[in-house]
Amino acid sequence: MPSSNVPGISIDLGIPLDKVAHILLYTIYTFLIGSYLSDKQVKSYQYYVFILGVPIFYGILMEVMQYYLSPSRSFDMLDIIANIIGSLVGVLLLKVKH
């Protein structure tokens, strides 16, 4: 959905709702990737780099594709930052889980 269609609702910290959605979705996405791979792999530095790298790469790729392929969507660096924050939160949740 184009960001212009997202309601202009903000949480108390003044963070736009679409950025909160990016953070939550990427937290869940990263957590699910890590949970799936946790039984198949030893929890090492490379494990956490991989489960952090996949959603970050995907998020950047989606923003670039929006810029080049969709006239109704645009590239937003703040979306990438929100995706990275969500991915970091997902990794932290995995560390707590393990």
PDB file of N, CA and C in Angstrom:
ATOM      1  N   MET A   1       0.854  -1.167   0.000  1.00  0.00           N
ATOM      2  CA  MET A   1       0.000   0.000   0.000  1.00  0.00           C
ATOM      3  C   MET A   1       0.899   1.228   0.000  1.00  0.00           C
ATOM      4  N   PRO A   2       0.593   2.212  -0.801  1.00  0.00           N
ATOM      5  CA  PRO A   2       1.400   3.432  -0.808  1.00  0.00           C
ATOM      6  C   PRO A   2       1.369   4.108   0.558  1.00  0.00           C
ATOM      7  N   SER A   3       2.505   4.664   0.951  1.00  0.00           N
ATOM      8  CA  SER A   3       2.564   5.286   2.274  1.00  0.00           C
ATOM      9  C   SER A   3       1.590   6.446   2.399  1.00  0.00           C
ATOM     10  N   SER A   4       1.186   7.036   1.290  1.00  0.00           N
ATOM     11  CA  SER A   4       0.205   8.125   1.345  1.00  0.00           C
ATOM     12  C   SER A   4      -1.169   7.632   1.796  1.00  0.00           C
ATOM     13  N   ASN A   5      -1.411   6.311   1.705  1.00  0.00           N
ATOM     14  CA  ASN A   5      -2.691   5.744   2.142  1.00  0.00           C
ATOM     15  C   ASN A   5      -2.682   5.322   3.600  1.00  0.00           C
ATOM     16  N   VAL A   6      -1.502   5.350   4.245  1.00  0.00           N
ATOM     17  CA  VAL A   6      -1.414   4.970   5.649  1.00  0.00           C
ATOM     18  C   VAL A   6      -1.929   6.142   6.475  1.00  0.00           C
ATOM     19  N   PRO A   7      -2.834   5.883   7.419  1.00  0.00           N
ATOM     20  CA  PRO A   7      -3.366   6.977   8.233  1.00  0.00           C
ATOM     21  C   PRO A   7      -2.257   7.717   8.957  1.00  0.00           C
ATOM     22  N   GLY A   8      -2.446   8.991   9.164  1.00  0.00           N
ATOM     23  CA  GLY A   8      -1.441   9.819   9.821  1.00  0.00           C
ATOM     24  C   GLY A   8      -1.489   9.712  11.327  1.00  0.00           C
ATOM     25  N   ILE A   9      -1.486   8.513  11.847  1.00  0.00           N
ATOM     26  CA  ILE A   9      -1.543   8.279  13.287  1.00  0.00           C
ATOM     27  C   ILE A   9      -0.119   8.148  13.812  1.00  0.00           C
ATOM     28  N   SER A  10       0.150   8.765  14.947  1.00  0.00           N
ATOM     29  CA  SER A  10       1.464   8.655  15.572  1.00  0.00           C
ATOM     30  C   SER A  10       1.295   8.125  16.987  1.00  0.00           C
ATOM     31  N   ILE A  11       2.308   7.395  17.450  1.00  0.00           N
ATOM     32  CA  ILE A  11       2.294   6.969  18.834  1.00  0.00           C
ATOM     33  C   ILE A  11       2.854   8.108  19.676  1.00  0.00           C
ATOM     34  N   ASP A  12       2.849   7.965  20.987  1.00  0.00           N
ATOM     35  CA  ASP A  12       3.256   9.031  21.891  1.00  0.00           C
ATOM     36  C   ASP A  12       4.642   9.594  21.595  1.00  0.00           C
ATOM     37  N   LEU A  13       5.546   8.775  21.061  1.00  0.00           N
ATOM     38  CA  LEU A  13       6.898   9.236  20.791  1.00  0.00           C
ATOM     39  C   LEU A  13       6.991  10.011  19.483  1.00  0.00           C
ATOM     40  N   GLY A  14       5.888  10.136  18.773  1.00  0.00           N
ATOM     41  CA  GLY A  14       5.883  10.857  17.514  1.00  0.00           C
ATOM     42  C   GLY A  14       6.387  10.034  16.349  1.00  0.00           C
ATOM     43  N   ILE A  15       6.451   8.717  16.514  1.00  0.00           N
ATOM     44  CA  ILE A  15       6.907   7.836  15.442  1.00  0.00           C
ATOM     45  C   ILE A  15       5.709   7.519  14.556  1.00  0.00           C
ATOM     46  N   PRO A  16       5.811   7.776  13.257  1.00  0.00           N
ATOM     47  CA  PRO A  16       4.679   7.480  12.362  1.00  0.00           C
ATOM     48  C   PRO A  16       4.306   5.999  12.398  1.00  0.00           C
ATOM     49  N   LEU A  17       3.030   5.742  12.229  1.00  0.00           N
ATOM     50  CA  LEU A  17       2.504   4.371  12.299  1.00  0.00           C
ATOM     51  C   LEU A  17       3.167   3.442  11.290  1.00  0.00           C
ATOM     52  N   ASP A  18       3.494   3.937  10.093  1.00  0.00           N
ATOM     53  CA  ASP A  18       4.113   3.047   9.106  1.00  0.00           C
ATOM     54  C   ASP A  18       5.499   2.599   9.555  1.00  0.00           C
ATOM     55  N   LYS A  19       6.228   3.442  10.285  1.00  0.00           N
ATOM     56  CA  LYS A  19       7.560   3.043  10.787  1.00  0.00           C
ATOM     57  C   LYS A  19       7.412   2.011  11.901  1.00  0.00           C
ATOM     58  N   VAL A  20       6.404   2.189  12.748  1.00  0.00           N
ATOM     59  CA  VAL A  20       6.122   1.201  13.801  1.00  0.00           C
ATOM     60  C   VAL A  20       5.783  -0.135  13.153  1.00  0.00           C
ATOM     61  N   ALA A  21       5.007  -0.103  12.077  1.00  0.00           N
ATOM     62  CA  ALA A  21       4.650  -1.342  11.368  1.00  0.00           C
ATOM     63  C   ALA A  21       5.902  -2.008  10.802  1.00  0.00           C
ATOM     64  N   HIS A  22       6.813  -1.233  10.216  1.00  0.00           N
ATOM     65  CA  HIS A  22       8.064  -1.797   9.701  1.00  0.00           C
ATOM     66  C   HIS A  22       8.854  -2.451  10.832  1.00  0.00           C
ATOM     67  N   ILE A  23       8.967  -1.770  11.951  1.00  0.00           N
ATOM     68  CA  ILE A  23       9.721  -2.318  13.083  1.00  0.00           C
ATOM     69  C   ILE A  23       9.094  -3.624  13.555  1.00  0.00           C
ATOM     70  N   LEU A  24       7.793  -3.643  13.745  1.00  0.00           N
ATOM     71  CA  LEU A  24       7.126  -4.859  14.231  1.00  0.00           C
ATOM     72  C   LEU A  24       7.230  -6.006  13.238  1.00  0.00           C
ATOM     73  N   LEU A  25       6.997  -5.719  11.972  1.00  0.00           N
ATOM     74  CA  LEU A  25       7.048  -6.789  10.972  1.00  0.00           C
ATOM     75  C   LEU A  25       8.456  -7.366  10.829  1.00  0.00           C
ATOM     76  N   TYR A  26       9.471  -6.530  10.847  1.00  0.00           N
ATOM     77  CA  TYR A  26      10.834  -7.035  10.721  1.00  0.00           C
ATOM     78  C   TYR A  26      11.315  -7.708  12.005  1.00  0.00           C
ATOM     79  N   THR A  27      10.775  -7.307  13.150  1.00  0.00           N
ATOM     80  CA  THR A  27      11.063  -8.033  14.393  1.00  0.00           C
ATOM     81  C   THR A  27      10.531  -9.459  14.267  1.00  0.00           C
ATOM     82  N   ILE A  28       9.298  -9.584  13.834  1.00  0.00           N
ATOM     83  CA  ILE A  28       8.680 -10.909  13.672  1.00  0.00           C
ATOM     84  C   ILE A  28       9.409 -11.716  12.601  1.00  0.00           C
ATOM     85  N   TYR A  29       9.693 -11.084  11.471  1.00  0.00           N
ATOM     86  CA  TYR A  29      10.375 -11.744  10.350  1.00  0.00           C
ATOM     87  C   TYR A  29      11.730 -12.306  10.798  1.00  0.00           C
ATOM     88  N   THR A  30      12.510 -11.491  11.469  1.00  0.00           N
ATOM     89  CA  THR A  30      13.835 -11.924  11.930  1.00  0.00           C
ATOM     90  C   THR A  30      13.715 -13.024  12.979  1.00  0.00           C
ATOM     91  N   PHE A  31      12.776 -12.859  13.897  1.00  0.00           N
ATOM     92  CA  PHE A  31      12.574 -13.869  14.933  1.00  0.00           C
ATOM     93  C   PHE A  31      12.182 -15.208  14.329  1.00  0.00           C
ATOM     94  N   LEU A  32      11.314 -15.182  13.326  1.00  0.00           N
ATOM     95  CA  LEU A  32      10.891 -16.435  12.683  1.00  0.00           C
ATOM     96  C   LEU A  32      12.044 -17.100  11.931  1.00  0.00           C
ATOM     97  N   ILE A  33      12.843 -16.314  11.231  1.00  0.00           N
ATOM     98  CA  ILE A  33      14.017 -16.878  10.542  1.00  0.00           C
ATOM     99  C   ILE A  33      14.938 -17.531  11.564  1.00  0.00           C
ATOM    100  N   GLY A  34      15.229 -16.807  12.620  1.00  0.00           N
ATOM    101  CA  GLY A  34      16.130 -17.334  13.649  1.00  0.00           C
ATOM    102  C   GLY A  34      15.568 -18.544  14.365  1.00  0.00           C
ATOM    103  N   SER A  35      14.269 -18.536  14.623  1.00  0.00           N
ATOM    104  CA  SER A  35      13.643 -19.686  15.290  1.00  0.00           C
ATOM    105  C   SER A  35      13.687 -20.919  14.402  1.00  0.00           C
ATOM    106  N   TYR A  36      13.440 -20.728  13.115  1.00  0.00           N
ATOM    107  CA  TYR A  36      13.493 -21.851  12.181  1.00  0.00           C
ATOM    108  C   TYR A  36      14.894 -22.441  12.113  1.00  0.00           C
ATOM    109  N   LEU A  37      15.887 -21.578  12.051  1.00  0.00           N
ATOM    110  CA  LEU A  37      17.268 -22.053  11.911  1.00  0.00           C
ATOM    111  C   LEU A  37      17.901 -22.473  13.233  1.00  0.00           C
ATOM    112  N   SER A  38      17.287 -22.142  14.351  1.00  0.00           N
ATOM    113  CA  SER A  38      17.924 -22.407  15.641  1.00  0.00           C
ATOM    114  C   SER A  38      18.115 -23.895  15.910  1.00  0.00           C
ATOM    115  N   ASP A  39      17.217 -24.720  15.419  1.00  0.00           N
ATOM    116  CA  ASP A  39      17.347 -26.168  15.628  1.00  0.00           C
ATOM    117  C   ASP A  39      18.358 -26.784  14.671  1.00  0.00           C
ATOM    118  N   LYS A  40      18.670 -26.083  13.607  1.00  0.00           N
ATOM    119  CA  LYS A  40      19.523 -26.642  12.564  1.00  0.00           C
ATOM    120  C   LYS A  40      20.964 -26.152  12.643  1.00  0.00           C
ATOM    121  N   GLN A  41      21.231 -25.229  13.537  1.00  0.00           N
ATOM    122  CA  GLN A  41      22.541 -24.602  13.530  1.00  0.00           C
ATOM    123  C   GLN A  41      22.966 -24.257  14.953  1.00  0.00           C
ATOM    124  N   VAL A  42      24.244 -24.344  15.198  1.00  0.00           N
ATOM    125  CA  VAL A  42      24.805 -23.916  16.471  1.00  0.00           C
ATOM    126  C   VAL A  42      24.738 -22.399  16.533  1.00  0.00           C
ATOM    127  N   LYS A  43      24.363 -21.862  17.682  1.00  0.00           N
ATOM    128  CA  LYS A  43      24.266 -20.411  17.824  1.00  0.00           C
ATOM    129  C   LYS A  43      25.654 -19.807  17.921  1.00  0.00           C
ATOM    130  N   SER A  44      26.158 -19.352  16.815  1.00  0.00           N
ATOM    131  CA  SER A  44      27.476 -18.745  16.761  1.00  0.00           C
ATOM    132  C   SER A  44      27.335 -17.324  16.238  1.00  0.00           C
ATOM    133  N   TYR A  45      28.439 -16.642  16.169  1.00  0.00           N
ATOM    134  CA  TYR A  45      28.469 -15.293  15.614  1.00  0.00           C
ATOM    135  C   TYR A  45      27.922 -15.293  14.192  1.00  0.00           C
ATOM    136  N   GLN A  46      28.323 -16.281  13.394  1.00  0.00           N
ATOM    137  CA  GLN A  46      27.865 -16.367  12.004  1.00  0.00           C
ATOM    138  C   GLN A  46      26.340 -16.576  11.924  1.00  0.00           C
ATOM    139  N   TYR A  47      25.798 -17.331  12.864  1.00  0.00           N
ATOM    140  CA  TYR A  47      24.350 -17.556  12.919  1.00  0.00           C
ATOM    141  C   TYR A  47      23.612 -16.230  13.061  1.00  0.00           C
ATOM    142  N   TYR A  48      24.046 -15.407  14.017  1.00  0.00           N
ATOM    143  CA  TYR A  48      23.377 -14.134  14.247  1.00  0.00           C
ATOM    144  C   TYR A  48      23.608 -13.148  13.106  1.00  0.00           C
ATOM    145  N   VAL A  49      24.772 -13.167  12.504  1.00  0.00           N
ATOM    146  CA  VAL A  49      25.040 -12.303  11.350  1.00  0.00           C
ATOM    147  C   VAL A  49      24.128 -12.699  10.192  1.00  0.00           C
ATOM    148  N   PHE A  50      23.960 -13.984   9.974  1.00  0.00           N
ATOM    149  CA  PHE A  50      23.108 -14.460   8.884  1.00  0.00           C
ATOM    150  C   PHE A  50      21.655 -14.066   9.106  1.00  0.00           C
ATOM    151  N   ILE A  51      21.122 -14.339  10.309  1.00  0.00           N
ATOM    152  CA  ILE A  51      19.707 -14.045  10.536  1.00  0.00           C
ATOM    153  C   ILE A  51      19.447 -12.548  10.626  1.00  0.00           C
ATOM    154  N   LEU A  52      20.472 -11.763  10.843  1.00  0.00           N
ATOM    155  CA  LEU A  52      20.324 -10.311  10.788  1.00  0.00           C
ATOM    156  C   LEU A  52      20.499  -9.816   9.354  1.00  0.00           C
ATOM    157  N   GLY A  53      21.391 -10.432   8.616  1.00  0.00           N
ATOM    158  CA  GLY A  53      21.686  -9.999   7.256  1.00  0.00           C
ATOM    159  C   GLY A  53      20.567 -10.259   6.269  1.00  0.00           C
ATOM    160  N   VAL A  54      19.879 -11.381   6.411  1.00  0.00           N
ATOM    161  CA  VAL A  54      18.811 -11.728   5.459  1.00  0.00           C
ATOM    162  C   VAL A  54      17.692 -10.679   5.453  1.00  0.00           C
ATOM    163  N   PRO A  55      17.099 -10.343   6.596  1.00  0.00           N
ATOM    164  CA  PRO A  55      16.029  -9.354   6.541  1.00  0.00           C
ATOM    165  C   PRO A  55      16.516  -7.949   6.185  1.00  0.00           C
ATOM    166  N   ILE A  56      17.727  -7.597   6.577  1.00  0.00           N
ATOM    167  CA  ILE A  56      18.252  -6.280   6.211  1.00  0.00           C
ATOM    168  C   ILE A  56      18.440  -6.203   4.698  1.00  0.00           C
ATOM    169  N   PHE A  57      19.025  -7.226   4.109  1.00  0.00           N
ATOM    170  CA  PHE A  57      19.199  -7.258   2.655  1.00  0.00           C
ATOM    171  C   PHE A  57      17.840  -7.202   1.963  1.00  0.00           C
ATOM    172  N   TYR A  58      16.892  -7.982   2.443  1.00  0.00           N
ATOM    173  CA  TYR A  58      15.552  -8.017   1.856  1.00  0.00           C
ATOM    174  C   TYR A  58      14.885  -6.642   1.952  1.00  0.00           C
ATOM    175  N   GLY A  59      14.993  -5.993   3.105  1.00  0.00           N
ATOM    176  CA  GLY A  59      14.378  -4.683   3.292  1.00  0.00           C
ATOM    177  C   GLY A  59      14.956  -3.634   2.360  1.00  0.00           C
ATOM    178  N   ILE A  60      16.271  -3.636   2.193  1.00  0.00           N
ATOM    179  CA  ILE A  60      16.916  -2.696   1.274  1.00  0.00           C
ATOM    180  C   ILE A  60      16.499  -3.002  -0.161  1.00  0.00           C
ATOM    181  N   LEU A  61      16.491  -4.285  -0.510  1.00  0.00           N
ATOM    182  CA  LEU A  61      16.095  -4.682  -1.857  1.00  0.00           C
ATOM    183  C   LEU A  61      14.664  -4.240  -2.163  1.00  0.00           C
ATOM    184  N   MET A  62      13.755  -4.392  -1.215  1.00  0.00           N
ATOM    185  CA  MET A  62      12.363  -3.986  -1.430  1.00  0.00           C
ATOM    186  C   MET A  62      12.248  -2.475  -1.648  1.00  0.00           C
ATOM    187  N   GLU A  63      13.005  -1.702  -0.893  1.00  0.00           N
ATOM    188  CA  GLU A  63      12.961  -0.249  -1.066  1.00  0.00           C
ATOM    189  C   GLU A  63      13.502   0.154  -2.442  1.00  0.00           C
ATOM    190  N   VAL A  64      14.589  -0.481  -2.856  1.00  0.00           N
ATOM    191  CA  VAL A  64      15.162  -0.180  -4.175  1.00  0.00           C
ATOM    192  C   VAL A  64      14.183  -0.591  -5.276  1.00  0.00           C
ATOM    193  N   MET A  65      13.570  -1.755  -5.129  1.00  0.00           N
ATOM    194  CA  MET A  65      12.607  -2.207  -6.136  1.00  0.00           C
ATOM    195  C   MET A  65      11.398  -1.278  -6.199  1.00  0.00           C
ATOM    196  N   GLN A  66      10.941  -0.783  -5.060  1.00  0.00           N
ATOM    197  CA  GLN A  66       9.838   0.174  -5.057  1.00  0.00           C
ATOM    198  C   GLN A  66      10.202   1.416  -5.869  1.00  0.00           C
ATOM    199  N   TYR A  67      11.424   1.862  -5.696  1.00  0.00           N
ATOM    200  CA  TYR A  67      11.878   3.066  -6.402  1.00  0.00           C
ATOM    201  C   TYR A  67      11.862   2.861  -7.909  1.00  0.00           C
ATOM    202  N   TYR A  68      12.364   1.706  -8.353  1.00  0.00           N
ATOM    203  CA  TYR A  68      12.503   1.474  -9.783  1.00  0.00           C
ATOM    204  C   TYR A  68      11.278   0.863 -10.459  1.00  0.00           C
ATOM    205  N   LEU A  69      10.462   0.113  -9.722  1.00  0.00           N
ATOM    206  CA  LEU A  69       9.403  -0.663 -10.356  1.00  0.00           C
ATOM    207  C   LEU A  69       7.983  -0.200 -10.073  1.00  0.00           C
ATOM    208  N   SER A  70       7.786   0.647  -9.105  1.00  0.00           N
ATOM    209  CA  SER A  70       6.420   1.026  -8.750  1.00  0.00           C
ATOM    210  C   SER A  70       6.260   2.540  -8.757  1.00  0.00           C
ATOM    211  N   PRO A  71       5.453   3.041  -9.665  1.00  0.00           N
ATOM    212  CA  PRO A  71       5.264   4.492  -9.721  1.00  0.00           C
ATOM    213  C   PRO A  71       4.511   5.050  -8.510  1.00  0.00           C
ATOM    214  N   SER A  72       3.741   4.220  -7.819  1.00  0.00           N
ATOM    215  CA  SER A  72       2.973   4.700  -6.672  1.00  0.00           C
ATOM    216  C   SER A  72       3.728   4.566  -5.350  1.00  0.00           C
ATOM    217  N   ARG A  73       4.910   3.987  -5.380  1.00  0.00           N
ATOM    218  CA  ARG A  73       5.714   3.804  -4.167  1.00  0.00           C
ATOM    219  C   ARG A  73       7.014   4.566  -4.329  1.00  0.00           C
ATOM    220  N   SER A  74       7.681   4.811  -3.214  1.00  0.00           N
ATOM    221  CA  SER A  74       8.934   5.550  -3.288  1.00  0.00           C
ATOM    222  C   SER A  74       9.965   4.950  -2.346  1.00  0.00           C
ATOM    223  N   PHE A  75      11.214   5.274  -2.594  1.00  0.00           N
ATOM    224  CA  PHE A  75      12.318   4.855  -1.750  1.00  0.00           C
ATOM    225  C   PHE A  75      12.284   5.707  -0.488  1.00  0.00           C
ATOM    226  N   ASP A  76      12.400   5.076   0.678  1.00  0.00           N
ATOM    227  CA  ASP A  76      12.388   5.806   1.947  1.00  0.00           C
ATOM    228  C   ASP A  76      13.470   5.248   2.853  1.00  0.00           C
ATOM    229  N   MET A  77      14.495   6.049   3.076  1.00  0.00           N
ATOM    230  CA  MET A  77      15.606   5.624   3.928  1.00  0.00           C
ATOM    231  C   MET A  77      15.124   5.350   5.354  1.00  0.00           C
ATOM    232  N   LEU A  78      14.109   6.067   5.800  1.00  0.00           N
ATOM    233  CA  LEU A  78      13.586   5.828   7.150  1.00  0.00           C
ATOM    234  C   LEU A  78      12.922   4.456   7.258  1.00  0.00           C
ATOM    235  N   ASP A  79      12.360   3.962   6.163  1.00  0.00           N
ATOM    236  CA  ASP A  79      11.829   2.595   6.166  1.00  0.00           C
ATOM    237  C   ASP A  79      12.958   1.584   6.353  1.00  0.00           C
ATOM    238  N   ILE A  80      14.072   1.817   5.688  1.00  0.00           N
ATOM    239  CA  ILE A  80      15.230   0.920   5.839  1.00  0.00           C
ATOM    240  C   ILE A  80      15.728   0.946   7.280  1.00  0.00           C
ATOM    241  N   ILE A  81      15.804   2.129   7.859  1.00  0.00           N
ATOM    242  CA  ILE A  81      16.253   2.244   9.257  1.00  0.00           C
ATOM    243  C   ILE A  81      15.278   1.525  10.184  1.00  0.00           C
ATOM    244  N   ALA A  82      13.980   1.683   9.948  1.00  0.00           N
ATOM    245  CA  ALA A  82      12.977   0.981  10.762  1.00  0.00           C
ATOM    246  C   ALA A  82      13.105  -0.533  10.596  1.00  0.00           C
ATOM    247  N   ASN A  83      13.380  -0.997   9.380  1.00  0.00           N
ATOM    248  CA  ASN A  83      13.576  -2.427   9.139  1.00  0.00           C
ATOM    249  C   ASN A  83      14.788  -2.942   9.915  1.00  0.00           C
ATOM    250  N   ILE A  84      15.857  -2.180   9.895  1.00  0.00           N
ATOM    251  CA  ILE A  84      17.073  -2.589  10.614  1.00  0.00           C
ATOM    252  C   ILE A  84      16.816  -2.625  12.116  1.00  0.00           C
ATOM    253  N   ILE A  85      16.120  -1.616  12.633  1.00  0.00           N
ATOM    254  CA  ILE A  85      15.792  -1.608  14.068  1.00  0.00           C
ATOM    255  C   ILE A  85      14.953  -2.839  14.413  1.00  0.00           C
ATOM    256  N   GLY A  86      13.951  -3.134  13.604  1.00  0.00           N
ATOM    257  CA  GLY A  86      13.123  -4.315  13.842  1.00  0.00           C
ATOM    258  C   GLY A  86      13.928  -5.602  13.794  1.00  0.00           C
ATOM    259  N   SER A  87      14.863  -5.682  12.858  1.00  0.00           N
ATOM    260  CA  SER A  87      15.719  -6.874  12.758  1.00  0.00           C
ATOM    261  C   SER A  87      16.602  -7.014  13.989  1.00  0.00           C
ATOM    262  N   LEU A  88      17.130  -5.914  14.469  1.00  0.00           N
ATOM    263  CA  LEU A  88      17.960  -5.953  15.681  1.00  0.00           C
ATOM    264  C   LEU A  88      17.138  -6.400  16.891  1.00  0.00           C
ATOM    265  N   VAL A  89      15.913  -5.909  16.998  1.00  0.00           N
ATOM    266  CA  VAL A  89      15.038  -6.326  18.093  1.00  0.00           C
ATOM    267  C   VAL A  89      14.741  -7.824  17.985  1.00  0.00           C
ATOM    268  N   GLY A  90      14.519  -8.304  16.773  1.00  0.00           N
ATOM    269  CA  GLY A  90      14.276  -9.730  16.575  1.00  0.00           C
ATOM    270  C   GLY A  90      15.460 -10.580  17.017  1.00  0.00           C
ATOM    271  N   VAL A  91      16.672 -10.129  16.704  1.00  0.00           N
ATOM    272  CA  VAL A  91      17.872 -10.853  17.145  1.00  0.00           C
ATOM    273  C   VAL A  91      17.995 -10.816  18.667  1.00  0.00           C
ATOM    274  N   LEU A  92      17.707  -9.676  19.268  1.00  0.00           N
ATOM    275  CA  LEU A  92      17.762  -9.592  20.733  1.00  0.00           C
ATOM    276  C   LEU A  92      16.753 -10.536  21.380  1.00  0.00           C
ATOM    277  N   LEU A  93      15.563 -10.629  20.806  1.00  0.00           N
ATOM    278  CA  LEU A  93      14.574 -11.578  21.326  1.00  0.00           C
ATOM    279  C   LEU A  93      15.054 -13.019  21.198  1.00  0.00           C
ATOM    280  N   LEU A  94      15.726 -13.317  20.100  1.00  0.00           N
ATOM    281  CA  LEU A  94      16.282 -14.671  19.940  1.00  0.00           C
ATOM    282  C   LEU A  94      17.352 -14.955  20.964  1.00  0.00           C
ATOM    283  N   LYS A  95      18.204 -13.970  21.226  1.00  0.00           N
ATOM    284  CA  LYS A  95      19.256 -14.160  22.229  1.00  0.00           C
ATOM    285  C   LYS A  95      18.643 -14.429  23.593  1.00  0.00           C
ATOM    286  N   VAL A  96      17.568 -13.720  23.925  1.00  0.00           N
ATOM    287  CA  VAL A  96      16.884 -13.933  25.196  1.00  0.00           C
ATOM    288  C   VAL A  96      16.240 -15.318  25.222  1.00  0.00           C
ATOM    289  N   LYS A  97      15.658 -15.723  24.106  1.00  0.00           N
ATOM    290  CA  LYS A  97      15.008 -17.038  24.002  1.00  0.00           C
ATOM    291  C   LYS A  97      16.012 -18.169  24.196  1.00  0.00           C
ATOM    292  N   HIS A  98      17.210 -18.006  23.641  1.00  0.00           N
ATOM    293  CA  HIS A  98      18.214 -19.069  23.713  1.00  0.00           C
ATOM    294  C   HIS A  98      18.952 -18.913  25.008  1.00  0.00           C
TER     295      HIS A  98
END
